[in-house]
């Protein structure tokens, strides 16, 4: 077994929605990023890459490469799964915590588990996503962005 941890953060910018876990969520802002800004999938990619000893998302999908401009982060996650398969590793389970003051995540979390499970090739009961706030403290509490911690266990 191998375990990995991932962390990512994106600032809010112009837009009318955010994408988290492959799910489009209406919001007063978007997330600033080179890709689609799916901070949840980015943290998950880092957790998976870390568990496999394969570096981080920036090494594999650099933000100065136009190939990844506005790319759907689910495609990045699938590429990471391909790298794991090359090592004959499979995902046992993943757990992620979204840290955001807004928007409210609870209504969208069940829908996030399905696409993540599909892309990882596991059942949704092996994907856990939860959310919390910072009680209005710090940059997240001021509504400046969203952060995610993710942990992955590989076999």
Protein backbone atom coordinates (compact mmCIF):
# COMPACT_ATOMS: atom_id res chain seq x y z
CA UNK A 1 0.00 0.00 0.00
CA UNK A 2 1.09 3.56 -0.71
CA UNK A 3 -0.50 6.75 0.51
CA UNK A 4 -0.30 10.23 -0.99
CA UNK A 5 -1.47 13.68 0.01
CA UNK A 6 -2.42 16.53 -2.30
CA UNK A 7 -3.23 20.17 -1.74
CA UNK A 8 -4.35 22.86 -4.14
CA UNK A 9 -5.83 26.33 -3.95
CA UNK A 10 -7.29 28.68 -6.55
CA UNK A 11 -8.37 32.29 -6.22
CA UNK A 12 -11.78 33.50 -7.32
CA UNK A 13 -11.98 35.58 -10.47
CA UNK A 14 -14.53 36.53 -13.09
CA UNK A 15 -17.18 33.95 -13.93
CA UNK A 16 -20.62 32.63 -13.13
CA UNK A 17 -19.73 29.10 -11.99
CA UNK A 18 -16.97 26.91 -10.62
CA UNK A 19 -16.18 23.30 -11.45
CA UNK A 20 -15.38 20.93 -8.58
CA UNK A 21 -15.08 17.19 -8.90
CA UNK A 22 -16.25 17.49 -12.49
CA UNK A 23 -19.50 19.16 -11.38
CA UNK A 24 -20.48 22.66 -12.50
CA UNK A 25 -21.67 24.76 -9.54
CA UNK A 26 -23.35 28.15 -10.02
CA UNK A 27 -21.52 30.93 -8.19
CA UNK A 28 -20.90 34.66 -8.28
CA UNK A 29 -17.31 34.03 -9.41
CA UNK A 30 -15.20 31.54 -11.31
CA UNK A 31 -11.81 30.13 -10.31
CA UNK A 32 -8.65 31.55 -11.86
CA UNK A 33 -6.49 28.85 -13.42
CA UNK A 34 -4.71 27.75 -16.57
CA UNK A 35 -7.07 24.75 -16.83
CA UNK A 36 -10.74 24.65 -15.82
CA UNK A 37 -9.68 25.37 -12.22
CA UNK A 38 -11.10 22.19 -10.68
CA UNK A 39 -9.17 22.52 -7.44
CA UNK A 40 -10.63 19.24 -6.13
CA UNK A 41 -9.35 17.18 -9.05
CA UNK A 42 -5.99 18.98 -8.97
CA UNK A 43 -5.47 18.07 -5.31
CA UNK A 44 -6.58 14.51 -6.06
CA UNK A 45 -4.11 14.25 -8.96
CA UNK A 46 -1.33 15.40 -6.63
CA UNK A 47 -2.34 12.83 -3.99
CA UNK A 48 -2.30 10.04 -6.57
CA UNK A 49 0.99 11.15 -8.11
CA UNK A 50 2.53 11.48 -4.65
CA UNK A 51 1.46 7.99 -3.63
CA UNK A 52 3.07 6.60 -6.77
CA UNK A 53 6.26 8.63 -6.34
CA UNK A 54 5.62 10.45 -9.61
CA UNK A 55 6.08 14.06 -8.55
CA UNK A 56 3.23 16.53 -8.85
CA UNK A 57 0.62 17.84 -11.24
CA UNK A 58 2.81 20.78 -12.30
CA UNK A 59 5.52 18.42 -13.55
CA UNK A 60 3.09 16.47 -15.72
CA UNK A 61 0.77 19.27 -16.83
CA UNK A 62 2.71 22.56 -16.63
CA UNK A 63 0.69 25.76 -16.67
CA UNK A 64 2.97 27.25 -19.32
CA UNK A 65 2.01 24.54 -21.83
CA UNK A 66 -0.81 25.70 -24.15
CA UNK A 67 -1.98 22.07 -24.48
CA UNK A 68 -3.47 22.35 -20.99
CA UNK A 69 -5.11 25.76 -21.39
CA UNK A 70 -8.76 25.52 -20.28
CA UNK A 71 -8.50 21.70 -20.27
CA UNK A 72 -11.15 19.67 -18.46
CA UNK A 73 -9.42 18.46 -15.28
CA UNK A 74 -11.17 15.11 -15.61
CA UNK A 75 -8.87 14.51 -18.60
CA UNK A 76 -5.87 15.25 -16.38
CA UNK A 77 -7.18 12.82 -13.75
CA UNK A 78 -7.59 10.11 -16.39
CA UNK A 79 -4.01 10.69 -17.57
CA UNK A 80 -2.80 10.29 -13.98
CA UNK A 81 -4.74 7.02 -13.71
CA UNK A 82 -2.96 5.90 -16.89
CA UNK A 83 0.40 6.59 -15.24
CA UNK A 84 -0.70 4.52 -12.24
CA UNK A 85 -1.72 1.67 -14.52
CA UNK A 86 1.77 1.72 -16.08
CA UNK A 87 3.08 1.02 -12.57
CA UNK A 88 0.41 -1.67 -12.08
CA UNK A 89 -1.11 0.33 -9.23
CA UNK A 90 -4.82 0.59 -8.48
CA UNK A 91 -6.68 3.09 -6.36
CA UNK A 92 -8.05 1.66 -3.14
CA UNK A 93 -9.85 4.79 -1.96
CA UNK A 94 -9.64 8.58 -1.90
CA UNK A 95 -10.75 11.19 0.61
CA UNK A 96 -10.92 14.94 0.00
CA UNK A 97 -11.86 18.01 2.00
CA UNK A 98 -13.02 21.15 0.22
CA UNK A 99 -12.34 24.31 2.22
CA UNK A 100 -14.60 27.15 1.08
CA UNK A 101 -16.72 29.85 2.65
CA UNK A 102 -18.96 29.90 -0.43
CA UNK A 103 -20.66 28.49 -2.36
CA UNK A 104 -22.37 25.94 -0.15
CA UNK A 105 -21.02 22.52 -1.21
CA UNK A 106 -23.37 20.03 0.49
CA UNK A 107 -25.94 19.90 -2.34
CA UNK A 108 -23.24 19.06 -4.91
CA UNK A 109 -21.06 16.55 -3.06
CA UNK A 110 -23.07 13.42 -3.97
CA UNK A 111 -22.82 14.35 -7.65
CA UNK A 112 -19.02 14.81 -7.37
CA UNK A 113 -18.43 11.25 -6.24
CA UNK A 114 -19.75 9.66 -9.46
CA UNK A 115 -17.40 11.25 -12.02
CA UNK A 116 -14.41 10.86 -9.72
CA UNK A 117 -15.19 7.17 -9.18
CA UNK A 118 -15.70 6.65 -12.91
CA UNK A 119 -12.37 8.27 -13.78
CA UNK A 120 -10.54 6.31 -11.07
CA UNK A 121 -12.16 3.01 -12.07
CA UNK A 122 -13.55 2.40 -8.58
CA UNK A 123 -17.00 2.38 -7.01
CA UNK A 124 -18.43 5.62 -5.54
CA UNK A 125 -18.37 4.18 -2.02
CA UNK A 126 -14.56 4.39 -2.23
CA UNK A 127 -14.66 8.13 -2.96
CA UNK A 128 -15.28 10.46 -0.04
CA UNK A 129 -15.72 14.21 -0.46
CA UNK A 130 -16.56 16.56 2.36
CA UNK A 131 -16.54 20.31 2.86
CA UNK A 132 -15.86 22.79 5.60
CA UNK A 133 -15.43 26.54 6.06
CA UNK A 134 -12.79 28.51 7.91
CA UNK A 135 -15.41 30.31 10.00
CA UNK A 136 -14.66 33.46 7.98
CA UNK A 137 -10.95 33.42 8.88
CA UNK A 138 -8.14 34.01 6.38
CA UNK A 139 -8.23 34.28 2.60
CA UNK A 140 -10.82 31.51 2.31
CA UNK A 141 -13.01 33.07 4.99
CA UNK A 142 -12.86 36.39 3.17
CA UNK A 143 -14.17 34.65 0.05
CA UNK A 144 -10.97 35.03 -1.95
CA UNK A 145 -10.70 31.40 -3.07
CA UNK A 146 -11.11 27.68 -2.45
CA UNK A 147 -8.61 25.09 -1.19
CA UNK A 148 -8.72 21.28 -1.13
CA UNK A 149 -6.77 18.61 0.73
CA UNK A 150 -6.88 15.10 -0.73
CA UNK A 151 -5.52 11.74 0.36
CA UNK A 152 -5.25 8.63 -1.82
CA UNK A 153 -4.40 5.04 -1.01
CA UNK A 154 -2.91 2.92 -3.80
CA UNK A 155 -2.45 -0.83 -3.96
